């Protein structure tokens, strides 16, 4: 089944083949009751899913021109799956996005997406239609039709569907990235990008042939859409979904889903593994069977090797194996997967932070400031990886830190309406190599054939000619000050990449359960730690309430947005030094 992806001309042809060859096989299920992993499941076979997709496609073909952009505003569930596949069947371009929500910044971002894409319609559910129409009325595009696919009579006539010509070059969706600043940009993802990336991911991670995917990731996110849904369907497997909020309220529900449904593959960011450690007790572990969880991918945000090691140890009594853990690296502009290899205990290296500040990755051999870092695996067939000096565009040798560049059939076709995004796509190295590269904006290094990711290039602090990486500072603060919360953000106040002495370093961190009278001493101690360990003079320390640090939908901290709040004087602090 997996090898079929190598020869499929497009996504719809492959999905319809599965519907014809195994019509009664389960394709997708949704856990409507998160506390009832068996009785609470709503299921669709491949034949049922094909019929629903044709129904949605027939309505779209009757009302929109081929190639129209269709905004999908759904919670996780079967209706999202039918709507997304309906867009593919109709030859439309799907735009998965989160529901409008209550907050102004969420609604404004959605307005930006709708305007950037030039949407022709919005698909949603009956339960969410009123909220979507209210948002649309205030967005200046109230004339765009809103259709609830699960409303009787509005799901179209499956037999009225007309197949459309598709191939690997056809645009399947626009994946709007979760960046915190600037206008939203939609990554143009083609049928061929998805097919290539799915095949490379399954081979690189050595997925089981009849895999069952499952999890709680939002399906509008690239990791949720691809690795929690599409990859399973394209390979003829099955996928089971639950709501993200159900996981956040009670992380045990995720692991019970994996147990009850026999899930083999589940993806999550680092914070999800950490949340399980904090919220799931020994008594609950004793009631779990995680022995069938073969591929546990951790990605989408900085990966803490201590969290993964602790997770493996905590859930070993439930049959979880350390070699099932798979630290991975990817991004929406490369469709999803770049690197990550299964079948071994996660590989870590303790590095010398002094050498790292000089741009060299050197395993630590003596005392001093060090940090344990985790490999995201060797390069795979997903794409070719280069580490490049971002200024000279020189390809750097192993052991030298630089910007990660990738190229290959999984790399998307640019940004919708923005071409190469100012050189993000189509970049060429100083060697003038054939083939266009994607500049990821991520810092990394190849060491002994393994890729280590060090953070975002734009977030790097330059202090007296040395490179200081904010995640190193944040992690060191949590080591020395356990009373800090789980999340902090370190940034400078100048323009990205500003040089020595021109920008102030700001340390912000959430705190939990620290009395108000202790906060001044804690702030002073944090300032001292950063100076002692990194030789960095801190201008401001801001201690924050839990939940204050802004994060993306995948859990990444939003440094640029936090810097913006600081500049605008809108960063609410429990204590700030200087006052």
Protein backbone atom coordinates (compact mmCIF):
# COMPACT_ATOMS: atom_id res chain seq x y z
CA UNK A 1 0.00 0.00 0.00
CA UNK A 2 2.76 2.47 0.91
CA UNK A 3 4.58 1.98 -2.40
CA UNK A 4 1.38 2.92 -4.27
CA UNK A 5 2.16 6.54 -3.41
CA UNK A 6 5.21 6.42 -5.67
CA UNK A 7 3.10 5.84 -8.79
CA UNK A 8 -0.18 7.60 -8.01
CA UNK A 9 -0.91 10.46 -10.44
CA UNK A 10 -2.82 12.48 -7.81
CA UNK A 11 -4.46 12.20 -4.41
CA UNK A 12 -8.02 11.59 -5.61
CA UNK A 13 -7.07 8.69 -7.88
CA UNK A 14 -5.36 6.97 -4.97
CA UNK A 15 -8.21 7.56 -2.51
CA UNK A 16 -10.82 6.32 -4.99
CA UNK A 17 -8.74 3.21 -5.62
CA UNK A 18 -8.85 2.41 -1.90
CA UNK A 19 -12.64 2.99 -1.91
CA UNK A 20 -13.03 0.55 -4.81
CA UNK A 21 -10.66 -2.13 -3.51
CA UNK A 22 -11.54 -2.06 0.19
CA UNK A 23 -14.88 -0.26 0.48
CA UNK A 24 -15.83 -1.60 3.93
CA UNK A 25 -12.43 -1.00 5.55
CA UNK A 26 -12.45 1.72 8.19
CA UNK A 27 -10.86 4.93 6.91
CA UNK A 28 -11.37 7.48 9.67
CA UNK A 29 -13.03 7.72 13.06
CA UNK A 30 -13.74 10.56 15.47
CA UNK A 31 -13.95 10.27 19.23
CA UNK A 32 -17.09 12.25 20.03
CA UNK A 33 -16.95 11.32 23.73
CA UNK A 34 -13.32 11.67 24.91
CA UNK A 35 -14.04 9.60 28.02
CA UNK A 36 -15.42 6.66 26.05
CA UNK A 37 -12.64 5.57 23.63
CA UNK A 38 -14.71 2.68 22.24
CA UNK A 39 -18.42 3.53 22.38
CA UNK A 40 -17.76 7.22 21.68
CA UNK A 41 -16.28 6.61 18.21
CA UNK A 42 -18.06 7.72 15.03
CA UNK A 43 -16.64 5.90 12.00
CA UNK A 44 -16.47 6.13 8.22
CA UNK A 45 -15.45 3.41 5.79
CA UNK A 46 -13.58 4.21 2.59
CA UNK A 47 -16.81 3.84 0.60
CA UNK A 48 -18.73 6.15 2.93
CA UNK A 49 -15.95 8.73 2.91
CA UNK A 50 -15.78 8.63 -0.89
CA UNK A 51 -19.54 9.19 -1.13
CA UNK A 52 -19.43 12.14 1.27
CA UNK A 53 -16.47 13.67 -0.57
CA UNK A 54 -18.30 13.38 -3.89
CA UNK A 55 -21.34 15.05 -2.34
CA UNK A 56 -19.33 18.04 -1.13
CA UNK A 57 -17.52 18.19 -4.46
CA UNK A 58 -20.78 18.21 -6.43
CA UNK A 59 -22.03 21.26 -4.48
CA UNK A 60 -18.72 23.07 -5.01
CA UNK A 61 -18.74 22.33 -8.75
CA UNK A 62 -22.27 23.70 -9.05
CA UNK A 63 -21.44 26.98 -7.30
CA UNK A 64 -17.75 27.78 -7.88
CA UNK A 65 -15.32 27.92 -10.78
CA UNK A 66 -12.53 25.30 -10.93
CA UNK A 67 -9.54 26.30 -8.84
CA UNK A 68 -11.54 28.46 -6.43
CA UNK A 69 -10.21 28.79 -2.92
CA UNK A 70 -12.45 27.33 -0.21
CA UNK A 71 -11.92 28.24 3.45
CA UNK A 72 -12.48 25.30 5.80
CA UNK A 73 -13.50 26.36 9.31
CA UNK A 74 -14.15 23.22 11.35
CA UNK A 75 -13.25 21.63 14.64
CA UNK A 76 -11.59 18.23 14.35
CA UNK A 77 -14.13 15.72 13.11
CA UNK A 78 -15.58 13.76 10.23
CA UNK A 79 -17.11 16.85 8.60
CA UNK A 80 -13.67 18.43 8.19
CA UNK A 81 -12.42 15.26 6.47
CA UNK A 82 -15.40 15.19 4.06
CA UNK A 83 -15.02 18.91 3.30
CA UNK A 84 -11.28 18.70 2.68
CA UNK A 85 -11.58 15.68 0.41
CA UNK A 86 -14.54 17.32 -1.32
CA UNK A 87 -12.29 20.21 -2.30
CA UNK A 88 -9.74 17.78 -3.75
CA UNK A 89 -12.41 15.87 -5.68
CA UNK A 90 -13.81 19.14 -7.09
CA UNK A 91 -10.44 20.51 -8.16
CA UNK A 92 -10.78 23.37 -5.68
CA UNK A 93 -8.01 24.66 -3.41
CA UNK A 94 -8.66 23.90 0.26
CA UNK A 95 -7.62 26.34 2.98
CA UNK A 96 -7.76 24.68 6.41
CA UNK A 97 -7.89 27.27 9.20
CA UNK A 98 -9.02 27.56 12.82
CA UNK A 99 -12.48 28.80 13.74
CA UNK A 100 -12.69 32.58 14.36
CA UNK A 101 -12.49 32.30 18.15
CA UNK A 102 -13.13 35.02 20.72
CA UNK A 103 -9.97 37.07 20.48
CA UNK A 104 -9.35 39.99 18.17
CA UNK A 105 -5.91 38.77 16.96
CA UNK A 106 -7.41 35.38 15.98
CA UNK A 107 -10.20 36.99 14.00
CA UNK A 108 -7.90 39.51 12.33
CA UNK A 109 -5.51 36.79 11.24
CA UNK A 110 -8.43 34.90 9.69
CA UNK A 111 -9.52 38.07 7.89
CA UNK A 112 -5.99 38.31 6.50
CA UNK A 113 -6.11 34.71 5.28
CA UNK A 114 -9.49 35.19 3.58
CA UNK A 115 -8.32 38.37 1.85
CA UNK A 116 -4.94 36.96 0.82
CA UNK A 117 -6.48 33.84 -0.72
CA UNK A 118 -9.48 35.53 -2.34
CA UNK A 119 -11.87 32.88 -1.04
CA UNK A 120 -14.98 31.85 -2.98
CA UNK A 121 -16.81 30.02 -0.18
CA UNK A 122 -16.58 28.90 3.43
CA UNK A 123 -17.38 25.36 4.52
CA UNK A 124 -18.17 24.67 8.18
CA UNK A 125 -20.56 22.69 10.40
CA UNK A 126 -24.11 23.39 11.57
CA UNK A 127 -22.85 23.89 15.11
CA UNK A 128 -20.33 26.55 14.03
CA UNK A 129 -22.19 28.26 11.18
CA UNK A 130 -23.58 31.13 13.28
CA UNK A 131 -20.13 32.01 14.64
CA UNK A 132 -18.62 31.85 11.15
CA UNK A 133 -21.34 34.05 9.61
CA UNK A 134 -21.00 36.60 12.41
CA UNK A 135 -17.22 36.75 11.85
CA UNK A 136 -17.64 36.99 8.08
CA UNK A 137 -20.14 39.84 8.41
CA UNK A 138 -17.53 41.88 10.25
CA UNK A 139 -14.70 41.00 7.88
CA UNK A 140 -15.87 42.95 4.85
CA UNK A 141 -16.61 39.81 2.82
CA UNK A 142 -20.16 39.06 3.92
CA UNK A 143 -21.17 38.12 0.35
CA UNK A 144 -19.09 34.92 0.47
CA UNK A 145 -21.41 31.90 0.88
CA UNK A 146 -21.17 29.88 4.10
CA UNK A 147 -22.24 26.24 3.82
CA UNK A 148 -22.63 23.73 6.64
CA UNK A 149 -21.86 20.44 4.98
CA UNK A 150 -23.67 18.42 7.63
CA UNK A 151 -26.94 20.35 7.20
CA UNK A 152 -29.58 18.17 5.50
CA UNK A 153 -29.88 19.00 1.82
CA UNK A 154 -26.67 21.00 1.63
CA UNK A 155 -24.20 18.13 1.31
CA UNK A 156 -24.69 17.77 -2.44
CA UNK A 157 -25.61 14.80 -4.64
CA UNK A 158 -22.70 12.36 -4.80
CA UNK A 159 -23.91 11.03 -8.17
CA UNK A 160 -23.80 14.55 -9.63
CA UNK A 161 -20.04 14.77 -9.11
CA UNK A 162 -17.98 15.11 -12.29
CA UNK A 163 -14.31 13.98 -12.16
CA UNK A 164 -11.86 16.77 -12.98
CA UNK A 165 -8.40 16.45 -14.55
CA UNK A 166 -5.74 16.37 -11.83
CA UNK A 167 -2.04 15.59 -11.74
CA UNK A 168 0.91 16.01 -9.40
CA UNK A 169 1.31 19.66 -10.35
CA UNK A 170 -2.27 20.55 -9.32
CA UNK A 171 -2.52 22.75 -6.21
CA UNK A 172 -4.27 20.85 -3.40
CA UNK A 173 -4.27 23.37 -0.56
CA UNK A 174 -2.88 26.56 0.86
CA UNK A 175 -1.28 25.89 4.25
CA UNK A 176 -1.17 29.19 6.11
CA UNK A 177 1.71 29.20 8.53
CA UNK A 178 1.29 30.17 12.17
CA UNK A 179 3.77 33.03 12.20
CA UNK A 180 3.21 35.75 14.76
CA UNK A 181 3.89 38.91 12.76
CA UNK A 182 3.29 40.31 9.30
CA UNK A 183 0.63 39.35 6.78
CA UNK A 184 -0.29 35.66 6.66
CA UNK A 185 1.22 33.71 3.79
CA UNK A 186 -0.24 30.55 2.31
CA UNK A 187 2.18 27.80 1.33
CA UNK A 188 1.15 26.42 -2.08
CA UNK A 189 1.06 22.64 -1.59
CA UNK A 190 0.56 20.47 -4.67
CA UNK A 191 -0.68 16.90 -4.99
CA UNK A 192 2.86 15.78 -5.84
CA UNK A 193 4.33 17.48 -2.76
CA UNK A 194 1.97 15.52 -0.49
CA UNK A 195 2.50 12.19 -2.25
CA UNK A 196 6.29 12.50 -2.19
CA UNK A 197 6.45 13.73 1.39
CA UNK A 198 4.08 11.06 2.67
CA UNK A 199 6.07 8.28 0.99
CA UNK A 200 9.38 9.66 2.28
CA UNK A 201 7.97 10.05 5.79
CA UNK A 202 6.57 6.54 5.97
CA UNK A 203 9.77 5.02 4.62
CA UNK A 204 12.06 7.13 6.79
CA UNK A 205 10.07 6.33 9.91
CA UNK A 206 9.48 2.71 8.78
CA UNK A 207 5.77 2.83 9.44
CA UNK A 208 3.86 -0.43 9.82
CA UNK A 209 2.06 -1.44 6.60
CA UNK A 210 -1.48 -1.41 8.06
CA UNK A 211 -0.93 1.56 10.30
CA UNK A 212 -3.48 3.18 12.52
CA UNK A 213 -2.87 6.86 13.11
CA UNK A 214 -4.41 8.72 15.97
CA UNK A 215 -4.19 11.85 18.05
CA UNK A 216 -5.52 15.26 18.97
CA UNK A 217 -3.53 17.68 16.78
CA UNK A 218 -5.71 20.29 15.02
CA UNK A 219 -6.35 19.21 11.45
CA UNK A 220 -5.82 22.73 10.10
CA UNK A 221 -2.16 22.45 11.16
CA UNK A 222 0.30 20.86 8.71
CA UNK A 223 1.38 18.15 11.16
CA UNK A 224 -2.21 17.29 12.07
CA UNK A 225 -3.47 17.30 8.49
CA UNK A 226 -0.68 15.22 7.01
CA UNK A 227 0.71 12.95 9.70
CA UNK A 228 -2.52 12.45 11.66
CA UNK A 229 -4.90 12.05 8.71
CA UNK A 230 -3.74 12.13 5.08
CA UNK A 231 -0.78 9.80 5.34
CA UNK A 232 -2.95 7.05 6.80
CA UNK A 233 -5.68 7.47 4.18
CA UNK A 234 -3.23 7.57 1.28
CA UNK A 235 -1.61 4.34 2.46
CA UNK A 236 -4.95 2.60 2.91
CA UNK A 237 -4.74 2.64 6.70
CA UNK A 238 -7.04 4.28 9.24
CA UNK A 239 -6.98 7.41 11.37
CA UNK A 240 -8.79 8.26 14.61
CA UNK A 241 -9.18 11.83 15.81
CA UNK A 242 -10.10 13.66 18.99
CA UNK A 243 -10.46 17.35 19.87
CA UNK A 244 -7.31 19.21 20.98
CA UNK A 245 -9.19 20.69 23.92
CA UNK A 246 -10.06 17.20 25.19
CA UNK A 247 -6.34 16.40 25.37
CA UNK A 248 -5.38 19.69 27.04
CA UNK A 249 -8.05 19.27 29.73
CA UNK A 250 -7.04 15.68 30.43
CA UNK A 251 -3.89 14.34 28.69
CA UNK A 252 -4.70 10.77 29.76
CA UNK A 253 -7.40 10.75 27.06
CA UNK A 254 -4.71 10.79 24.34
CA UNK A 255 -2.98 7.72 25.73
CA UNK A 256 -6.27 5.92 26.35
CA UNK A 257 -7.17 6.54 22.70
CA UNK A 258 -3.86 5.00 21.63
CA UNK A 259 -4.53 2.00 23.89
CA UNK A 260 -8.20 1.40 23.02
CA UNK A 261 -7.83 1.88 19.28
CA UNK A 262 -4.48 0.12 18.88
CA UNK A 263 -2.85 3.23 17.43
CA UNK A 264 0.59 2.59 15.91
CA UNK A 265 1.53 6.16 14.97
CA UNK A 266 0.91 9.40 16.86
CA UNK A 267 2.60 12.79 16.56
CA UNK A 268 2.79 15.61 19.12
CA UNK A 269 4.90 18.63 20.09
CA UNK A 270 7.29 18.50 23.04
CA UNK A 271 4.82 20.19 25.40
CA UNK A 272 2.35 17.29 24.99
CA UNK A 273 4.86 14.73 26.28
CA UNK A 274 5.70 17.10 29.13
CA UNK A 275 2.01 17.58 29.98
CA UNK A 276 1.55 13.81 30.20
CA UNK A 277 4.42 13.64 32.68
CA UNK A 278 2.85 16.30 34.90
CA UNK A 279 -0.78 15.23 34.70
CA UNK A 280 -0.80 11.40 34.50
CA UNK A 281 -0.19 9.50 37.73
CA UNK A 282 1.18 6.02 38.37
CA UNK A 283 -2.27 4.55 38.95
CA UNK A 284 -3.35 5.65 35.46
CA UNK A 285 -0.17 4.28 33.89
CA UNK A 286 -0.93 0.86 35.37
CA UNK A 287 -4.19 0.76 33.40
CA UNK A 288 -2.63 1.52 29.99
CA UNK A 289 -1.28 -0.71 27.22
CA UNK A 290 1.02 1.32 24.94
CA UNK A 291 2.87 -1.66 23.48
CA UNK A 292 1.39 -1.11 20.00
CA UNK A 293 2.55 2.53 19.83
CA UNK A 294 5.41 1.95 17.36
CA UNK A 295 6.05 5.52 16.18
CA UNK A 296 5.84 8.37 18.72
CA UNK A 297 7.03 11.45 16.84
CA UNK A 298 8.02 14.58 18.75
CA UNK A 299 8.42 17.70 16.64
CA UNK A 300 7.10 21.17 15.77
CA UNK A 301 8.89 22.97 18.63
CA UNK A 302 12.27 22.72 20.42
CA UNK A 303 12.65 19.17 21.73
CA UNK A 304 13.85 18.63 25.28
CA UNK A 305 15.79 15.34 25.55
CA UNK A 306 15.13 15.23 29.29
CA UNK A 307 11.38 15.26 28.68
CA UNK A 308 11.57 12.38 26.19
CA UNK A 309 13.80 10.31 28.46
CA UNK A 310 11.44 10.87 31.38
CA UNK A 311 8.42 10.00 29.23
CA UNK A 312 9.99 6.70 28.17
CA UNK A 313 10.77 5.82 31.77
CA UNK A 314 7.36 6.83 33.16
CA UNK A 315 5.39 4.81 30.60
CA UNK A 316 7.67 1.78 30.32
CA UNK A 317 5.37 -0.19 32.70
CA UNK A 318 2.59 0.34 30.12
CA UNK A 319 4.72 -1.33 27.43
CA UNK A 320 6.07 1.86 25.85
CA UNK A 321 9.52 1.37 24.27
CA UNK A 322 12.22 4.10 24.18
CA UNK A 323 13.02 3.25 20.55
CA UNK A 324 9.46 4.22 19.60
CA UNK A 325 10.34 7.85 20.33
CA UNK A 326 11.27 9.71 17.18
CA UNK A 327 12.50 13.33 17.37
CA UNK A 328 11.76 14.87 14.00
CA UNK A 329 12.19 18.07 12.03
CA UNK A 330 9.93 19.54 9.40
CA UNK A 331 8.03 22.62 8.27
CA UNK A 332 4.98 23.56 6.21
CA UNK A 333 7.08 24.97 3.35
CA UNK A 334 8.52 21.46 2.84
CA UNK A 335 4.98 19.98 3.10
CA UNK A 336 5.85 18.56 6.54
CA UNK A 337 8.59 15.95 6.99
CA UNK A 338 12.31 16.65 6.55
CA UNK A 339 14.11 14.25 8.90
CA UNK A 340 13.56 11.76 11.69
CA UNK A 341 14.42 8.06 11.92
CA UNK A 342 12.71 5.31 13.86
CA UNK A 343 14.10 2.20 15.52
CA UNK A 344 16.62 3.52 18.04
CA UNK A 345 16.65 5.31 21.35
CA UNK A 346 16.83 9.08 20.68
CA UNK A 347 20.43 10.15 20.04
CA UNK A 348 21.74 13.02 22.18
CA UNK A 349 25.05 14.89 22.38
CA UNK A 350 26.30 17.16 25.16
CA UNK A 351 27.80 20.23 23.51
CA UNK A 352 30.12 23.02 24.60
CA UNK A 353 28.07 26.23 24.69
CA UNK A 354 31.20 28.35 24.36
CA UNK A 355 32.07 26.70 21.05
CA UNK A 356 28.44 26.93 19.97
CA UNK A 357 28.55 30.70 20.55
CA UNK A 358 31.41 30.79 18.03
CA UNK A 359 29.37 28.83 15.49
CA UNK A 360 30.99 25.43 16.04
CA UNK A 361 29.28 22.26 17.28
CA UNK A 362 31.77 20.56 19.62
CA UNK A 363 30.92 17.70 22.00
CA UNK A 364 31.76 18.74 25.57
CA UNK A 365 34.90 17.12 27.05
CA UNK A 366 35.34 19.20 30.20
CA UNK A 367 33.48 21.45 32.63
CA UNK A 368 31.88 24.76 31.80
CA UNK A 369 28.58 25.64 30.23
CA UNK A 370 27.18 22.67 28.33
CA UNK A 371 23.81 21.48 27.10
CA UNK A 372 22.33 18.16 26.04
CA UNK A 373 20.93 18.42 22.51
CA UNK A 374 18.96 15.89 20.55
CA UNK A 375 19.36 14.71 16.97
CA UNK A 376 16.46 15.00 14.55
CA UNK A 377 17.95 12.19 12.49
CA UNK A 378 20.03 12.04 9.32
CA UNK A 379 18.92 13.45 5.96
CA UNK A 380 16.24 11.33 4.28
CA UNK A 381 14.71 10.92 0.84
CA UNK A 382 12.21 13.64 1.78
CA UNK A 383 14.66 16.30 0.67
CA UNK A 384 18.34 17.17 0.44
CA UNK A 385 19.72 19.14 3.40
CA UNK A 386 22.40 21.84 3.30
CA UNK A 387 23.73 23.94 6.18
CA UNK A 388 24.56 27.34 4.69
CA UNK A 389 26.09 30.59 5.86
CA UNK A 390 23.04 32.89 5.62
CA UNK A 391 25.12 35.89 4.48
CA UNK A 392 27.71 34.44 2.10
CA UNK A 393 25.52 31.47 1.03
CA UNK A 394 28.56 29.25 1.41
CA UNK A 395 27.73 25.59 2.07
CA UNK A 396 29.25 24.81 5.46
CA UNK A 397 31.05 21.59 6.44
CA UNK A 398 29.92 19.26 9.20
CA UNK A 399 30.27 20.76 12.64
CA UNK A 400 29.59 24.36 11.53
CA UNK A 401 26.36 26.05 12.52
CA UNK A 402 24.33 27.79 9.84
CA UNK A 403 20.92 28.12 8.24
CA UNK A 404 19.20 24.90 7.17
CA UNK A 405 18.39 24.85 3.46
CA UNK A 406 16.45 22.01 1.81
CA UNK A 407 15.46 21.06 -1.71
CA UNK A 408 13.47 18.26 -3.31
CA UNK A 409 10.03 17.24 -4.61
CA UNK A 410 8.45 17.79 -1.19
CA UNK A 411 9.30 21.49 -1.16
CA UNK A 412 6.17 23.52 -1.91
CA UNK A 413 5.64 25.89 -4.81
CA UNK A 414 6.05 29.19 -2.98
CA UNK A 415 3.56 31.47 -1.22
CA UNK A 416 0.17 32.20 -2.73
CA UNK A 417 0.32 35.61 -4.35
CA UNK A 418 3.80 36.27 -2.92
CA UNK A 419 5.98 34.16 -5.22
CA UNK A 420 9.23 33.14 -3.59
CA UNK A 421 8.52 35.10 -0.42
CA UNK A 422 11.50 37.41 -0.83
CA UNK A 423 14.00 34.64 -1.49
CA UNK A 424 12.61 32.03 0.91
CA UNK A 425 11.96 29.74 -2.06
CA UNK A 426 14.27 29.37 -5.05
CA UNK A 427 17.49 30.20 -3.20
CA UNK A 428 20.86 29.26 -4.70
CA UNK A 429 24.04 28.57 -2.80
CA UNK A 430 27.36 30.26 -3.56
CA UNK A 431 28.30 27.11 -5.50
CA UNK A 432 25.51 27.86 -7.98
CA UNK A 433 24.11 24.36 -7.57
CA UNK A 434 21.32 23.25 -9.85
CA UNK A 435 17.91 23.07 -8.21
CA UNK A 436 16.16 25.59 -6.03
CA UNK A 437 16.53 25.56 -2.26
CA UNK A 438 14.12 26.52 0.48
CA UNK A 439 15.63 28.75 3.15
CA UNK A 440 14.00 27.45 6.31
CA UNK A 441 15.09 30.27 8.61
CA UNK A 442 16.14 27.61 11.12
CA UNK A 443 19.64 27.29 12.54
CA UNK A 444 21.20 23.87 12.58
CA UNK A 445 24.27 21.73 12.14
CA UNK A 446 25.18 18.36 10.65
CA UNK A 447 27.31 16.32 13.06
CA UNK A 448 28.30 12.71 12.34
CA UNK A 449 25.63 12.68 9.64
CA UNK A 450 22.87 13.78 12.02
CA UNK A 451 20.84 16.99 11.92
CA UNK A 452 20.70 19.05 15.11
CA UNK A 453 18.31 22.01 15.09
CA UNK A 454 19.32 25.01 17.18
CA UNK A 455 16.39 27.41 16.81
CA UNK A 456 15.34 30.28 14.58
CA UNK A 457 17.91 32.48 12.84
CA UNK A 458 15.87 35.63 13.53
CA UNK A 459 15.78 34.84 17.27
CA UNK A 460 19.55 34.54 17.72
CA UNK A 461 21.11 37.12 20.06
CA UNK A 462 24.44 38.67 19.04
CA UNK A 463 26.27 39.87 22.15
CA UNK A 464 29.76 41.38 21.78
CA UNK A 465 30.30 39.39 18.60
CA UNK A 466 29.15 36.09 20.11
CA UNK A 467 26.06 34.14 19.13
CA UNK A 468 23.78 33.37 22.07
CA UNK A 469 20.77 31.14 21.52
CA UNK A 470 17.69 32.10 23.53
CA UNK A 471 16.51 28.53 24.10
CA UNK A 472 19.88 27.78 25.79
CA UNK A 473 19.33 30.69 28.17
CA UNK A 474 15.74 29.65 28.86
CA UNK A 475 16.68 26.06 29.58
CA UNK A 476 19.58 27.06 31.85
CA UNK A 477 17.29 29.33 33.85
CA UNK A 478 14.86 26.47 34.48
CA UNK A 479 17.72 24.22 35.60
CA UNK A 480 18.98 26.73 38.17
CA UNK A 481 15.57 28.07 39.23
CA UNK A 482 13.04 25.22 39.51
CA UNK A 483 10.40 27.61 40.83
CA UNK A 484 10.04 28.97 37.29
CA UNK A 485 7.15 27.75 35.15
CA UNK A 486 7.49 25.67 32.01
CA UNK A 487 7.69 28.52 29.50
CA UNK A 488 9.89 31.57 29.10
CA UNK A 489 11.06 33.78 26.25
CA UNK A 490 14.38 35.57 25.89
CA UNK A 491 14.78 38.20 23.16
CA UNK A 492 16.56 41.42 22.35
CA UNK A 493 14.84 44.75 21.85
CA UNK A 494 16.60 45.69 18.62
CA UNK A 495 16.19 44.66 15.04
CA UNK A 496 16.78 40.96 14.40
CA UNK A 497 20.48 40.35 14.11
CA UNK A 498 21.47 43.62 15.77
CA UNK A 499 25.07 43.72 16.87
CA UNK A 500 26.88 44.11 20.15
CA UNK A 501 25.68 46.77 22.51
CA UNK A 502 22.88 48.07 20.27
CA UNK A 503 20.05 46.08 21.84
CA UNK A 504 18.90 45.25 25.33
CA UNK A 505 18.39 41.60 26.29
CA UNK A 506 15.02 40.92 27.90
CA UNK A 507 14.31 37.80 29.97
CA UNK A 508 10.66 36.91 30.48
CA UNK A 509 9.42 33.79 32.21
CA UNK A 510 6.23 32.44 33.67
CA UNK A 511 6.27 31.61 37.39
CA UNK A 512 3.94 29.40 39.40
CA UNK A 513 3.28 29.50 43.11
CA UNK A 514 5.98 32.03 44.00
CA UNK A 515 4.89 34.55 46.67
CA UNK A 516 4.93 38.18 45.53
CA UNK A 517 7.56 39.12 48.13
CA UNK A 518 9.94 36.49 46.65
CA UNK A 519 9.76 37.81 43.09
CA UNK A 520 12.42 40.57 43.41
CA UNK A 521 15.00 38.07 44.73
CA UNK A 522 14.10 35.57 41.99
CA UNK A 523 14.51 38.21 39.27
CA UNK A 524 17.91 39.24 40.67
CA UNK A 525 19.03 35.60 40.82
CA UNK A 526 17.94 35.04 37.20
CA UNK A 527 19.88 38.09 36.08
CA UNK A 528 22.96 36.72 37.88
CA UNK A 529 22.56 33.26 36.29
CA UNK A 530 22.45 34.65 32.76
CA UNK A 531 25.51 36.80 33.40
CA UNK A 532 27.49 33.96 34.97
CA UNK A 533 26.61 31.23 32.44
CA UNK A 534 26.53 33.27 29.23
CA UNK A 535 28.37 36.52 29.90
CA UNK A 536 25.25 38.43 28.93
CA UNK A 537 24.07 41.59 30.68
CA UNK A 538 20.29 41.48 31.07
CA UNK A 539 18.45 44.77 30.67
CA UNK A 540 15.01 43.69 31.90
CA UNK A 541 13.57 40.70 33.75
CA UNK A 542 9.78 40.28 33.58
CA UNK A 543 8.08 37.55 35.63
CA UNK A 544 4.72 36.53 34.18
CA UNK A 545 1.56 34.68 35.14
CA UNK A 546 1.06 31.17 33.66
CA UNK A 547 -0.36 31.35 30.14
CA UNK A 548 1.06 34.82 29.41
CA UNK A 549 3.72 33.67 26.93
CA UNK A 550 2.15 33.63 23.46
CA UNK A 551 2.41 30.34 21.58
CA UNK A 552 1.41 29.11 18.13
CA UNK A 553 -1.17 26.39 17.55
CA UNK A 554 1.66 23.84 17.57
CA UNK A 555 3.10 25.05 20.88
CA UNK A 556 6.02 27.16 19.65
CA UNK A 557 6.72 30.30 21.65
CA UNK A 558 6.11 33.48 19.64
CA UNK A 559 9.25 35.51 20.32
CA UNK A 560 8.47 38.22 17.80
CA UNK A 561 4.99 38.71 19.23
CA UNK A 562 6.37 38.85 22.77
CA UNK A 563 8.98 41.40 21.68
CA UNK A 564 6.17 43.44 20.13
CA UNK A 565 4.13 43.37 23.37
CA UNK A 566 7.22 44.50 25.28
CA UNK A 567 7.87 47.40 22.90
CA UNK A 568 4.23 48.50 23.09
CA UNK A 569 4.17 48.35 26.89
CA UNK A 570 1.43 45.69 26.82
CA UNK A 571 3.35 42.84 28.47
CA UNK A 572 1.51 42.30 31.76
CA UNK A 573 3.99 41.29 34.47
CA UNK A 574 3.69 40.06 38.02
CA UNK A 575 7.04 41.73 38.66
CA UNK A 576 9.47 43.64 36.47
CA UNK A 577 13.06 44.58 37.18
CA UNK A 578 13.78 47.43 36.77
CA UNK A 579 10.34 48.67 37.80
